[in-house]
Each structure stands twice: as structure tokens, then as C-alpha cells.
Protein backbone atom coordinates (compact mmCIF):
# COMPACT_ATOMS: atom_id res chain seq x y z
CA MET A 1 105.58 157.55 82.57
CA HIS A 2 105.14 154.25 80.80
CA SER A 3 103.46 154.39 77.19
CA ARG A 4 101.39 151.46 75.83
CA ARG A 5 104.07 150.77 73.34
CA THR A 6 106.43 149.48 76.45
CA ALA A 7 103.69 147.43 78.00
CA LEU A 8 103.34 145.51 74.80
CA ASN A 9 107.03 145.15 74.74
CA VAL A 10 108.24 144.57 77.70
CA SER A 11 105.66 143.25 79.88
CA LEU A 12 104.23 139.55 80.36
CA ALA A 13 100.79 140.23 82.45
CA THR A 14 100.06 136.40 82.71
CA LEU A 15 101.88 132.99 82.78
CA LEU A 16 100.53 130.93 79.32
CA VAL A 17 97.49 129.05 80.60
CA THR A 18 96.04 130.85 83.45
CA SER A 19 96.92 134.07 85.38
CA ILE A 20 99.05 134.42 88.30
CA ALA A 21 96.48 135.17 91.33
CA HIS A 22 97.83 138.60 93.27
CA ALA A 23 96.73 139.94 96.45
CA GLN A 24 94.30 142.48 96.45
CA PRO A 25 96.11 145.66 96.68
CA ALA A 26 95.31 147.79 100.01
CA VAL A 27 95.01 150.69 98.30
CA GLY A 28 94.17 152.48 95.03
CA PRO A 29 91.25 151.32 92.44
CA GLN A 30 90.00 147.93 92.96
CA PRO A 31 88.13 145.96 90.06
CA PRO A 32 84.29 145.84 90.66
CA THR A 33 82.92 142.84 92.45
CA ALA A 34 80.16 142.82 90.29
CA PRO A 35 79.98 144.62 87.25
CA THR A 36 76.91 146.90 86.78
CA ARG A 37 77.06 145.83 82.74
CA THR A 38 78.68 143.03 81.01
CA ILE A 39 81.12 143.82 78.08
CA THR A 40 82.76 141.77 75.59
CA GLN A 41 86.48 141.73 75.46
CA GLU A 42 86.50 143.64 72.34
CA GLU A 43 84.86 146.50 73.95
CA ALA A 44 87.15 145.93 77.02
CA ASP A 45 89.99 146.23 74.41
CA ARG A 46 88.54 149.14 72.61
CA GLU A 47 87.83 151.54 76.37
CA LYS A 48 91.42 150.31 77.25
CA ASP A 49 92.79 151.66 74.11
CA ARG A 50 90.80 155.07 74.22
CA LEU A 51 91.72 155.43 78.22
CA GLU A 52 95.49 155.07 77.35
CA LYS A 53 95.48 157.11 74.75
CA ALA A 54 93.67 159.90 76.01
CA ASN A 55 96.10 159.29 79.09
CA ILE A 56 99.32 160.03 76.94
CA THR A 57 97.64 163.36 75.64
CA ALA A 58 96.65 164.18 79.32
CA PHE A 59 100.70 163.90 80.34
CA ASP A 60 101.79 165.43 76.96
CA GLN A 61 99.99 168.49 78.06
CA ARG A 62 100.92 168.16 81.95
CA ASP A 63 97.20 167.86 82.84
CA PHE A 64 98.18 165.39 85.72
CA SER A 65 94.54 165.52 87.40
CA LYS A 66 93.02 164.48 84.34
CA ALA A 67 95.87 161.72 83.86
CA GLU A 68 94.96 160.39 87.39
CA ALA A 69 91.22 160.33 86.55
CA LEU A 70 91.94 158.50 83.54
CA LEU A 71 94.09 156.29 84.99
CA ARG A 72 91.59 155.55 87.52
CA GLU A 73 89.08 154.40 84.90
CA LEU A 74 91.68 152.21 83.38
CA ILE A 75 92.91 150.46 85.85
CA PRO A 76 90.09 147.77 87.02
CA LEU A 77 90.04 147.05 83.38
CA ASP A 78 93.86 146.22 83.05
CA HIS A 79 94.45 145.43 86.58
CA GLU A 80 97.46 142.86 86.82
CA ASN A 81 99.32 144.94 84.11
CA PHE A 82 101.99 147.39 86.17
CA VAL A 83 101.97 150.21 83.45
CA PRO A 84 98.91 151.72 84.45
CA TRP A 85 99.79 151.76 88.19
CA TYR A 86 103.27 153.12 87.41
CA ASN A 87 101.76 156.01 85.57
CA LEU A 88 99.36 156.82 88.36
CA ALA A 89 102.20 156.71 90.85
CA CYS A 90 103.89 159.29 88.37
CA ALA A 91 100.49 161.47 87.87
CA LEU A 92 100.15 161.83 91.61
CA SER A 93 104.00 162.41 92.26
CA MET A 94 103.34 165.55 89.96
CA GLN A 95 100.48 166.84 91.66
CA GLY A 96 102.31 166.48 95.27
CA LYS A 97 100.10 163.62 96.59
CA LEU A 98 103.08 161.88 97.63
CA ASP A 99 102.06 159.59 100.26
CA GLU A 100 99.35 157.87 97.53
CA ALA A 101 102.32 158.05 94.95
CA CYS A 102 104.45 155.97 97.08
CA LYS A 103 101.96 153.51 97.34
CA MET A 104 100.86 153.19 93.89
CA LEU A 105 104.36 152.81 93.19
CA GLN A 106 104.40 149.81 95.10
CA GLN A 107 101.68 148.42 93.59
CA ALA A 108 103.45 148.82 90.04
CA ILE A 109 106.10 146.72 91.58
CA ALA A 110 103.92 144.03 93.25
CA ARG A 111 102.79 143.57 89.25
CA GLY A 112 106.26 143.25 87.87
CA PHE A 113 108.00 146.68 87.54
CA ALA A 114 111.24 146.31 88.30
CA ASP A 115 113.11 148.89 86.09
CA LEU A 116 115.17 150.96 88.91
CA ARG A 117 116.93 152.84 86.32
CA GLN A 118 113.42 154.33 84.97
CA MET A 119 112.57 155.06 88.53
CA ASN A 120 115.53 157.13 89.45
CA ALA A 121 115.44 158.80 86.16
CA ASP A 122 111.82 159.54 85.12
CA GLU A 123 111.18 163.18 85.28
CA HIS A 124 107.51 162.74 86.62
CA LEU A 125 108.87 160.62 89.62
CA ALA A 126 111.15 163.63 90.77
CA PRO A 127 109.46 165.10 93.49
CA LEU A 128 109.13 161.89 95.11
CA ARG A 129 112.63 161.01 95.21
CA GLU A 130 113.31 162.57 98.69
CA HIS A 131 110.17 161.26 99.96
CA PRO A 132 110.96 158.58 102.91
CA GLU A 133 108.96 155.68 101.65
CA PHE A 134 110.64 156.29 97.91
CA LYS A 135 114.16 155.82 99.71
CA ALA A 136 113.05 152.41 101.60
CA ILE A 137 111.77 150.92 97.92
CA VAL A 138 115.04 151.65 96.73
CA ARG A 139 117.00 150.22 99.10
CA ARG A 140 115.10 147.12 99.14
CA PHE A 141 114.61 147.07 95.72
CA ASP A 142 116.88 144.09 94.69
CA GLU A 143 115.65 141.95 97.30
CA VAL A 144 112.09 142.80 96.40
CA VAL A 145 112.78 141.62 92.68
CA ARG A 146 114.58 138.41 93.77
CA LYS A 147 111.39 137.54 95.75
CA ARG A 148 108.99 138.20 93.03
CA ALA A 149 111.29 135.86 90.56
CA GLU A 150 111.17 133.07 92.90
CA ARG A 151 107.19 133.77 93.52
CA LEU A 152 107.13 133.29 89.59
CA ILE A 153 108.83 130.24 89.31
CA GLU A 154 107.07 128.68 92.17
CA ASP A 155 103.41 130.17 90.35
CA ALA A 156 104.80 128.28 87.19
CA ARG A 157 105.53 124.92 88.89
CA LYS A 158 101.65 125.24 89.89
CA THR A 159 100.62 126.46 86.59
CA PHE A 160 102.16 123.51 84.51
CA ARG A 161 101.65 120.97 87.27
CA VAL A 162 105.31 120.10 87.16
CA GLY A 163 105.94 116.49 88.47
CA GLU A 164 102.29 115.60 88.43
CA LYS A 165 100.69 112.72 86.59
CA GLY A 166 100.11 113.63 83.10
CA SER A 167 102.11 116.75 82.93
CA PRO A 168 104.70 117.03 80.08
CA TYR A 169 106.64 119.58 82.10
CA THR A 170 109.64 119.36 84.05
CA LEU A 171 111.52 122.00 86.23
CA VAL A 172 115.05 122.33 86.01
CA ARG A 173 117.34 124.88 87.68
CA ASP A 174 120.40 125.80 85.99
CA GLU A 175 122.64 127.31 88.55
CA VAL A 176 125.82 128.23 86.21
CA LEU A 177 123.67 130.56 83.77
CA ASN A 178 121.01 131.42 86.86
CA LEU A 179 118.12 130.18 84.43
CA VAL A 180 115.24 127.78 85.87
CA TYR A 181 113.36 126.09 82.86
CA VAL A 182 110.00 124.75 82.70
CA SER A 183 109.95 122.56 79.53
CA ALA A 184 107.42 120.29 77.76
CA PHE A 185 110.11 119.58 75.44
CA ASP A 186 111.70 115.68 74.66
CA ALA A 187 114.18 115.39 77.69
CA LYS A 188 117.20 114.48 75.01
CA LEU A 189 116.60 117.44 73.07
CA PHE A 190 115.93 119.79 76.09
CA ASP A 191 119.49 118.91 77.38
CA GLN A 192 121.07 119.78 73.77
CA ALA A 193 119.25 123.33 74.17
CA ARG A 194 121.17 123.68 77.56
CA THR A 195 124.56 122.90 76.06
CA GLU A 196 123.67 125.19 73.30
CA ALA A 197 123.13 128.25 76.11
CA LEU A 198 126.34 127.61 77.60
CA LYS A 199 127.73 128.02 74.12
CA LEU A 200 125.92 130.68 73.34
CA GLU A 201 126.89 132.45 76.43
CA ARG A 202 130.30 132.07 75.47
CA TRP A 203 129.46 133.63 72.26
CA TRP A 204 128.14 136.85 73.96
CA ARG A 205 131.35 136.77 76.56
CA ALA A 206 133.74 136.88 73.33
CA ILE A 207 131.62 139.87 72.40
CA ALA A 208 130.86 142.05 75.21
CA GLY A 209 133.43 140.69 77.69
CA ASP A 210 132.82 139.77 81.73
CA LEU A 211 130.46 141.79 83.58
CA PRO A 212 132.22 144.62 85.51
CA LYS A 213 133.80 143.65 89.02
CA HIS A 214 131.97 145.85 90.62
CA ALA A 215 128.62 144.22 89.27
CA GLY A 216 128.99 140.78 90.59
CA SER A 217 128.31 137.32 89.50
CA THR A 218 125.43 136.12 87.40
CA ALA A 219 124.44 134.13 90.43
CA ALA A 220 123.88 137.75 92.24
CA GLN A 221 120.83 138.48 89.88
CA PRO A 222 117.51 137.59 90.06
CA PRO A 223 116.90 134.12 88.23
CA VAL A 224 115.41 134.27 84.71
CA LEU A 225 112.24 131.74 84.21
CA VAL A 226 112.52 130.16 80.86
CA ILE A 227 109.10 128.72 79.57
CA LEU A 228 109.42 126.35 76.81
CA PRO A 229 105.93 125.15 76.46
CA THR A 230 103.91 122.83 74.00
CA ARG A 231 102.80 124.06 70.76
CA ALA A 232 99.13 124.56 72.35
CA ASP A 233 99.98 126.21 75.31
CA TYR A 234 102.32 128.61 73.20
CA ILE A 235 99.35 129.63 71.27
CA VAL A 236 97.24 130.17 73.62
CA TRP A 237 99.44 132.49 75.60
CA ALA A 238 100.83 134.44 71.77
CA GLN A 239 97.24 135.06 70.88
CA LYS A 240 96.47 136.47 74.53
CA ARG A 241 99.74 138.17 74.02
CA PHE A 242 99.70 139.43 70.61
CA GLY A 243 96.55 139.04 69.32
CA ASP A 244 95.87 138.65 65.81
CA ARG A 245 99.72 138.98 64.75
CA PHE A 246 100.46 136.03 67.27
CA ASP A 247 101.33 133.74 64.68
CA ARG A 248 104.25 136.00 63.72
CA VAL A 249 105.94 135.82 66.99
CA GLY A 250 108.43 132.74 67.86
CA GLY A 251 108.87 133.82 71.70
CA GLU A 252 109.41 137.26 74.30
CA TYR A 253 111.79 138.01 77.04
CA SER A 254 110.55 140.58 79.32
CA HIS A 255 113.29 141.66 81.76
CA SER A 256 110.94 143.53 84.17
CA GLU A 257 109.33 139.86 85.00
CA ARG A 258 112.58 137.86 84.35
CA ARG A 259 110.94 135.66 82.36
CA LEU A 260 111.31 134.19 78.72
CA VAL A 261 108.93 132.46 76.45
CA SER A 262 109.91 130.58 73.17
CA MET A 263 108.20 128.35 70.98
CA ASP A 264 111.11 126.65 69.94
CA LEU A 265 114.51 125.33 70.66
CA GLY A 266 115.85 127.09 67.98
CA SER A 267 116.21 130.40 66.23
CA SER A 268 113.54 131.75 68.72
CA TRP A 269 115.46 130.55 71.97
CA ARG A 270 118.67 131.71 70.47
CA HIS A 271 117.62 135.11 70.12
CA GLU A 272 115.21 135.28 73.39
CA PHE A 273 118.35 134.03 75.31
CA TRP A 274 120.65 136.76 73.99
CA HIS A 275 118.44 139.10 74.91
CA VAL A 276 118.81 137.71 78.66
CA LEU A 277 122.46 138.44 78.35
CA HIS A 278 122.38 141.69 76.69
CA TRP A 279 120.47 142.80 79.59
CA ARG A 280 122.66 141.66 82.06
CA ASP A 281 125.21 143.29 80.70
CA MET A 282 123.21 146.46 80.35
CA ASP A 283 122.20 146.29 83.81
CA ALA A 284 126.17 145.70 85.17
CA ARG A 285 127.39 148.90 83.24
CA GLY A 286 126.79 151.40 85.56
CA THR A 287 129.64 152.72 87.84
CA GLN A 288 130.37 151.86 91.05
CA GLU A 289 128.71 155.26 92.41
CA ASP A 290 125.55 154.71 89.54
CA GLN A 291 124.49 151.48 89.39
CA LEU A 292 121.52 152.52 87.34
CA GLY A 293 123.05 150.79 84.18
CA GLN A 294 122.86 151.37 80.49
CA ARG A 295 119.52 151.13 78.47
CA HIS A 296 120.51 150.82 74.56
CA PRO A 297 118.37 151.73 71.90
CA LEU A 298 115.91 148.86 70.01
CA TRP A 299 118.34 148.72 66.78
CA VAL A 300 120.88 147.75 69.15
CA MET A 301 119.15 145.51 71.04
CA GLU A 302 117.18 143.47 68.19
CA GLY A 303 120.46 143.62 65.82
CA LEU A 304 122.60 142.01 68.33
CA CYS A 305 120.34 139.34 69.04
CA SER A 306 119.05 138.48 65.73
CA LEU A 307 122.48 137.28 64.98
CA VAL A 308 122.21 134.42 66.47
CA GLU A 309 118.95 133.15 65.00
CA ASP A 310 121.33 131.81 62.14
CA CYS A 311 124.99 130.86 63.09
CA ASP A 312 127.42 127.89 62.44
CA THR A 313 130.33 127.13 64.87
CA GLY A 314 133.46 127.84 63.09
CA PRO A 315 136.84 125.81 63.50
CA LYS A 316 137.91 127.47 67.02
CA GLY A 317 134.36 127.19 68.20
CA GLU A 318 133.79 130.68 67.10
CA MET A 319 130.26 132.41 65.92
CA ILE A 320 130.00 132.69 61.86
CA VAL A 321 126.82 134.67 61.59
CA ARG A 322 124.88 133.51 58.19
CA PRO A 323 122.86 135.39 55.75
CA ASN A 324 119.03 134.65 56.78
CA TRP A 325 115.75 136.06 55.62
CA ARG A 326 115.87 139.12 57.86
CA THR A 327 119.16 139.98 55.75
CA ASN A 328 117.38 138.66 52.45
CA ILE A 329 115.27 141.83 53.14
CA ALA A 330 117.77 144.47 53.86
CA ARG A 331 119.66 143.18 50.66
CA ARG A 332 116.44 144.00 48.44
CA LEU A 333 116.18 147.40 50.40
CA ALA A 334 119.66 148.04 49.76
CA ARG A 335 119.39 147.28 46.13
CA ALA A 336 116.29 149.24 45.75
CA GLY A 337 117.92 152.55 47.17
CA ASN A 338 115.44 152.19 49.98
CA LEU A 339 117.90 151.56 52.98
CA MET A 340 117.38 154.06 55.94
CA PRO A 341 120.40 156.43 56.42
CA TRP A 342 122.54 155.62 59.31
CA GLU A 343 122.28 159.11 60.88
CA VAL A 344 118.36 158.84 61.13
CA PHE A 345 118.27 154.72 61.79
CA MET A 346 120.46 154.61 64.90
CA GLY A 347 118.69 157.67 66.32
CA LEU A 348 115.22 156.08 66.10
CA ASP A 349 113.19 155.78 69.40
CA GLN A 350 111.60 152.61 70.24
CA LYS A 351 108.13 153.88 69.08
CA ARG A 352 109.38 154.57 65.61
CA PHE A 353 111.35 151.60 65.27
CA MET A 354 108.31 149.51 66.20
CA SER A 355 106.34 151.68 63.57
CA SER A 356 104.52 150.25 60.66
CA THR A 357 107.44 148.54 59.10
CA PRO A 358 108.99 146.52 62.05
CA SER A 359 110.42 143.71 59.72
CA ALA A 360 112.48 146.23 57.60
CA MET A 361 113.57 147.70 61.04
CA TYR A 362 115.00 144.58 62.38
CA ALA A 363 116.05 143.51 59.40
CA GLN A 364 118.58 146.54 58.68
CA ALA A 365 119.59 146.19 62.21
CA ARG A 366 120.63 142.63 61.87
CA ALA A 367 122.34 143.60 58.76
CA ILE A 368 124.47 146.10 60.47
CA PHE A 369 125.77 143.42 62.93
CA MET A 370 126.63 141.08 60.57
CA PHE A 371 128.57 143.52 58.74
CA LEU A 372 130.52 144.46 61.90
CA ALA A 373 130.96 140.58 62.72
CA GLU A 374 131.93 140.00 59.11
CA LYS A 375 134.49 142.63 59.44
CA ASP A 376 135.67 141.24 62.64
CA LYS A 377 134.65 144.57 64.39
CA LEU A 378 131.77 143.50 66.73
CA ALA A 379 133.76 143.06 69.84
CA ALA A 380 135.72 146.39 69.06
CA TRP A 381 132.62 148.29 68.58
CA TYR A 382 130.82 146.97 71.44
CA GLY A 383 133.44 147.98 73.70
CA HIS A 384 133.35 151.51 71.95
CA TYR A 385 129.85 151.71 72.51
CA VAL A 386 129.49 150.54 76.05
CA THR A 387 132.48 152.64 77.10
CA ASN A 388 131.61 156.01 75.56
CA PHE A 389 127.66 155.31 75.95
CA SER A 390 127.04 158.33 78.06
CA ASP A 391 128.51 160.84 75.32
CA ASP A 392 126.85 158.75 72.14
CA GLN A 393 123.87 156.74 72.75
CA SER A 394 123.30 156.09 68.93
CA GLY A 395 126.40 154.19 68.39
CA ARG A 396 127.40 156.31 65.56
CA VAL A 397 130.67 157.38 67.40
CA ALA A 398 131.57 153.80 68.25
CA MET A 399 131.48 153.47 64.47
CA GLU A 400 133.87 155.72 63.75
CA LYS A 401 136.35 154.75 66.85
CA THR A 402 135.88 151.30 65.73
CA PHE A 403 137.13 151.90 61.95
CA GLY A 404 138.91 155.13 62.46
CA THR A 405 137.19 157.21 59.67
CA PRO A 406 134.03 158.94 59.57
CA ILE A 407 130.97 157.11 59.44
CA LYS A 408 130.03 158.31 55.65
CA PRO A 409 132.58 156.07 54.05
CA ILE A 410 131.97 153.46 56.45
CA GLU A 411 128.15 153.36 55.22
CA LYS A 412 129.10 153.26 51.73
CA ASP A 413 131.03 150.34 52.27
CA TYR A 414 128.20 148.74 54.39
CA ARG A 415 125.59 149.36 51.47
CA ALA A 416 127.87 147.87 48.76
CA TRP A 417 128.69 144.93 51.11
CA LEU A 418 125.08 144.22 51.51
CA LYS A 419 124.30 144.32 47.65
CA ASN A 420 126.34 141.70 47.55
CA ILE A 421 126.08 139.17 50.20
CA PRO A 422 124.26 135.69 49.09
CA GLU A 423 120.59 135.60 48.99
CA ALA A 424 119.49 133.14 51.84
CA PRO A 425 116.97 129.99 51.23
CA ASN A 426 113.70 131.56 51.51
CA GLU A 427 111.51 128.26 51.18
CA LEU A 428 112.08 124.97 51.45
CA GLY A 429 112.63 122.72 48.56
CA ARG A 430 114.23 125.65 46.44
CA GLY A 431 117.71 125.67 47.26
CA PRO A 432 120.69 123.55 45.56
CA ALA A 433 120.20 120.37 47.50
CA ASN A 434 116.82 119.06 49.35
CA LEU A 435 115.29 116.09 51.56
CA PRO A 436 113.72 114.01 48.88
CA PHE A 437 110.43 114.02 51.04
CA ASP A 438 108.06 117.02 52.16
CA VAL A 439 108.45 118.14 55.73
CA GLY A 440 106.30 120.40 58.23
CA LEU A 441 106.87 122.84 60.78
CA GLY A 442 107.03 120.75 63.44
CA ALA A 443 106.05 121.74 67.27
CA GLY A 444 109.51 123.65 67.77
CA ASP A 445 112.06 121.07 68.46
CA GLY A 446 112.57 119.82 64.94
CA PRO A 447 110.69 120.07 61.21
CA THR A 448 108.19 117.02 60.59
CA VAL A 449 108.46 114.22 57.99
CA ASP A 450 105.87 114.00 55.23
CA VAL A 451 106.44 111.33 53.21
CA ASP A 452 102.53 110.77 51.98
CA LEU A 453 102.43 114.70 50.71
CA ILE A 454 105.45 113.98 48.08
CA ALA A 455 104.41 110.58 47.66
CA ALA A 456 101.26 111.32 46.16
CA PHE A 457 102.60 113.79 43.69
CA ALA A 458 105.09 110.89 42.68
CA GLY A 459 102.42 108.48 41.99
CA ASN A 460 102.34 106.79 45.21
CA LYS A 461 105.90 105.53 44.27
CA PRO A 462 108.27 104.50 47.09
CA VAL A 463 110.02 107.69 48.62
CA PRO A 464 113.71 106.80 49.94
CA THR A 465 113.33 108.23 53.57
CA GLY A 466 115.83 105.91 54.91
CA GLY A 467 113.38 104.22 57.33
CA MET A 468 111.81 107.39 58.69
CA ARG A 469 107.93 108.20 58.39
CA THR A 470 105.49 110.55 58.38
CA GLY A 471 105.22 112.25 61.81
CA ASP A 472 108.98 111.76 62.36
CA VAL A 473 110.64 114.91 63.74
CA ILE A 474 114.01 115.88 62.31
CA THR A 475 116.35 116.91 64.92
CA ALA A 476 119.77 117.11 63.20
CA LEU A 477 121.42 116.91 60.14
CA ASN A 478 125.00 115.58 59.52
CA ASP A 479 125.34 116.22 63.48
CA GLU A 480 124.03 119.89 63.01
CA PRO A 481 121.08 120.16 65.66
CA VAL A 482 117.96 121.46 63.41
CA ARG A 483 115.29 122.95 65.58
CA ASP A 484 113.12 124.60 62.90
CA ILE A 485 112.71 124.98 59.27
CA TYR A 486 115.15 128.00 59.01
CA ASP A 487 117.79 125.47 60.71
CA LEU A 488 117.09 123.14 58.32
CA MET A 489 117.21 125.42 55.35
CA ARG A 490 120.72 127.08 56.71
CA VAL A 491 122.25 123.36 57.00
CA LEU A 492 121.03 122.23 53.31
CA ALA A 493 122.41 125.27 51.61
CA ILE A 494 126.19 124.16 52.18
CA CYS A 495 125.23 120.67 51.23
CA GLN A 496 124.74 119.20 47.32
CA PRO A 497 122.22 117.42 45.41
CA GLY A 498 123.13 113.48 45.37
CA GLN A 499 125.07 113.69 48.66
CA SER A 500 124.37 111.19 51.29
CA VAL A 501 123.43 113.11 54.50
CA LYS A 502 123.05 111.22 58.00
CA VAL A 503 119.23 112.37 59.45
CA ASP A 504 118.74 112.23 63.30
CA TYR A 505 114.95 111.86 63.82
CA ARG A 506 112.78 111.37 67.16
CA ARG A 507 110.01 109.11 66.99
CA GLY A 508 107.58 109.50 69.88
CA THR A 509 110.22 109.17 72.79
CA LYS A 510 112.64 107.20 70.57
CA HIS A 511 115.77 108.66 68.71
CA ALA A 512 117.13 107.10 65.72
CA THR A 513 119.21 107.96 62.51
CA ALA A 514 118.80 107.63 58.70
CA MET A 515 121.11 107.99 56.02
CA VAL A 516 119.23 109.76 53.08
CA THR A 517 120.20 111.01 49.70
CA LEU A 518 119.47 114.64 48.88
CA VAL A 519 118.26 115.65 45.73
CA GLY A 520 117.83 118.88 43.76
CA PRO A 521 115.28 121.81 43.70
CA LYS A 522 111.82 120.58 43.71
């Protein structure tokens, strides 16, 4: 059974601006052609929430007849979400209604369900697995997923009017990484992001190694659609996807739909792209006999992928993880004695990890992997973890094998290390070195220059900008790409007041450079 939490975290029901139209299902509940009454979106959301909670309770109580009735009410309210269709297949399967269960499973697949491992492991589908149609679904599953991915790409081309007059979007296929980009970003900066993806993939391989030979090449897997929208289109999608908390989310990767959305070319893009690589690796971790792969817990997924949010390239091209706002949170927790013990933290399920304090959970996960990276143990830990995954999915045994000692002393060293790592700049302008003008958040390809604001505070005195104007987009500092405020703060953190730095910037479609002298804290 899929829960609402799963739906929120792995399912993207729509593209950014318009919904993808699916053919009407041949079986199962149909959306009403003319509703008997008009309800607001708020009322519909409340009704969906009530039905979802009641459905979970019915499954917990193993009242599958009641679950079936609830899901038949829910589906017209959430018709394009695969989760209720999948759950209806489970409820029917447990009642022995196998023919219809197969049909509902097909409806779930048509709407984006693509987790073969879940299908083959879910106890609620056990009665269905010897059914001829279920076996046929399994045999053609890879081709179904591939065709659906290609259809999503074609739908994206139409949705974003790629190639049409007035559309800012371009579509580019990356055959090496098996990605299809739909991007609204400046062409030069987009090309730099594509180059960075190759570097991020090399860093991932340095940790995880190559895919197992029996898994085939990356090209053999379904392509991933990468959507890099305009800021306006991103906000439309994020509000629909995350509601009131839309402004706290920078993007999402949905493995079930092979689709990545990012609001920027910086930390959000790097984080979500590493999710793509991690999911591909997990899928490949089955044996030749058992192709189901692995499913790592959320602390591993998010801890690993948050590493690349803030990192630099070392002299040999290696990844150097830097402290950031997440590790600031973990550092404060450590100093206050409020860190969750590893024994508890590494055993959290998805629901508990995404509980009332997800920022603290993400922070602790990133700090653990930063600790491994600084000790030069990250690749060793991952190797032990995936090799012994069937025996220990929490990651604790891998820690002991990596360090050659019981986990308690390792955790003690980690806590002492965390208390003493440098605090990352939390606010632009408060670090030791700063630009002599204010900057804004920008639209995802770099912070924007705001000369007017700082000039007003300086009594309208000229501000030394090297020729930059309000609205220019900062794209690099001393040849280090800068795509968001966090990138800018990280690069400034290794500079000194009075230092002259080269600033690359974009003005409209033109790119230029300026020399600027840094100042102290504002």
C-alpha cells in the first residue's frame, strides 16, 4: 500500500503549467462528467485528507472491503494521482478480486507508478502475483516505463511550447547522462550547468563506483526529464505541489516519473541531480537473479544528496564538502546536547524522518556524511553499506566495518567533530568579506545586483560596482560559478576585505566581467 506521505514525496501529478491529459480509463471509478454540486478546492482537499486517513486506518485494521469503498470515493477527487489506484489494486487483491485488481494496477502504472520492487514486495499484492496478467505486467514493465518517460518528454515539449515563437524554453538531449532538459535559462549558463552535471557524476562514481555489470549502462535505463523553468512557472508548480510551504522547496526528483524539477542551477539542481544518480545506483543493486534493487532509508538518500549543495573542487578534481546552513543547525544541536542518537536516527522510517522537524533531520543526515567525507571514509562506508544491505539497512554495521570499531566510539568522535566545525555564513553581508553593494535572490541563475538600495543608505554616494548596474545577474566570482545566494556566501567566505575580485555577470543576454574590491561586514 502507498501512503499519502509517499504520494507527497515521490509523485509529481502534473507538469508545471498545465496537466498532462491521460486517456480516460476503461475500468474503475470515473470522474463525474457533471458534478452534482460545486465545491471549493479547499473543501476538496479536506475531503481527500479525510478519505486518505480513513483508508490508512482501514488497511491497518485489514478491513479491505471498507478500504475499497473509501478509495472509490477518493479516486474522482484525485484522479491523476497513481497512489489511490495502486491502493485500490491492493484492497481488491486482498479480497480475491484478482482480475479487477490487475486492471487497477494497470491504471496506477498509466498514471506514473513505476516501482517494480514495490510491486514484488508488497504483501497486499501477494495473492495477485501468480495471476497471468500480473506476470505479463512484470515482463513488459521496463518497456512500459520507457514509453511513459518518452511520452512525458513529448508532453513537456508541447506544454512549454519548445521552439515556438515567444517561448523561452529549449529542449536538449544529453545522451551521455541519459537526460532530457527542458530549460528556460540563459544558454551560456545552461551549458555550464550541463558541464557541471558531468563533474557531479564523476564525484558520484568516486563514491559509489560503476554500476554492477549485470545492470547494463545508464543509457539502458529510462531517460530522466529535467525541467528548469522560469521563476513564474516554478512558483505555479511549487504552490500546487507543496501548498503554503512552496517557498521552502527548491525542487524535487520523482523517480516514479523519471522527472526532476529545479528552481535554480545551483544548490537545488545539484541536490536533485544526485538523487537521479543515487536512484539509478539503487535500482542496479539487485543480483542477476533478483533485479529488484535496493531502497535506502531517507536519512541516507537526503544526507548523501545534500552534500553537493555546498562543495568545492579540490586540486585533483575531487569533491570538498563545505559547511552550510544545514550543518549550522546540526552544530547547534550538538552544542545543546540535542542530537538524536545514531541508533535511533538511523532507524527512522520515512514518516518519522519527515515529521515536525524535517530541517533538523536533514541537517543531521548531511552532517553524518560530511563527517565521513572529511575522514576520507565516504566511499568505504557506501561500499560496505550496499554490500551488506540485506543484513543491515540502517547503516550502523557499515559504520563499524568502515572504522573497524564499535559504533559508540565513532559517534562520540562525530559529536566532538560537529561541535567544532566552522559555522557557515548565514546571512549575506555578515561574513568577513562582502561585495560593496546589496544583492537580491535572483531567478535561479545567480544573485542580482542592487546598487540603488545600498546607495540610498550611503547618502546617494557612488557605489564602486566596476560598471555593474541594478538588475545585473552575478554568475561567477573569481571564476567560481555562483548560481544562488548560498554559492555566493561560500565563495566570499574564503576571501578577504580589500581583495580585488573578478565578477562575471549577465545583463539581459549579454555577458561581461567587472573588477570589484571587497569590503568588510555591513
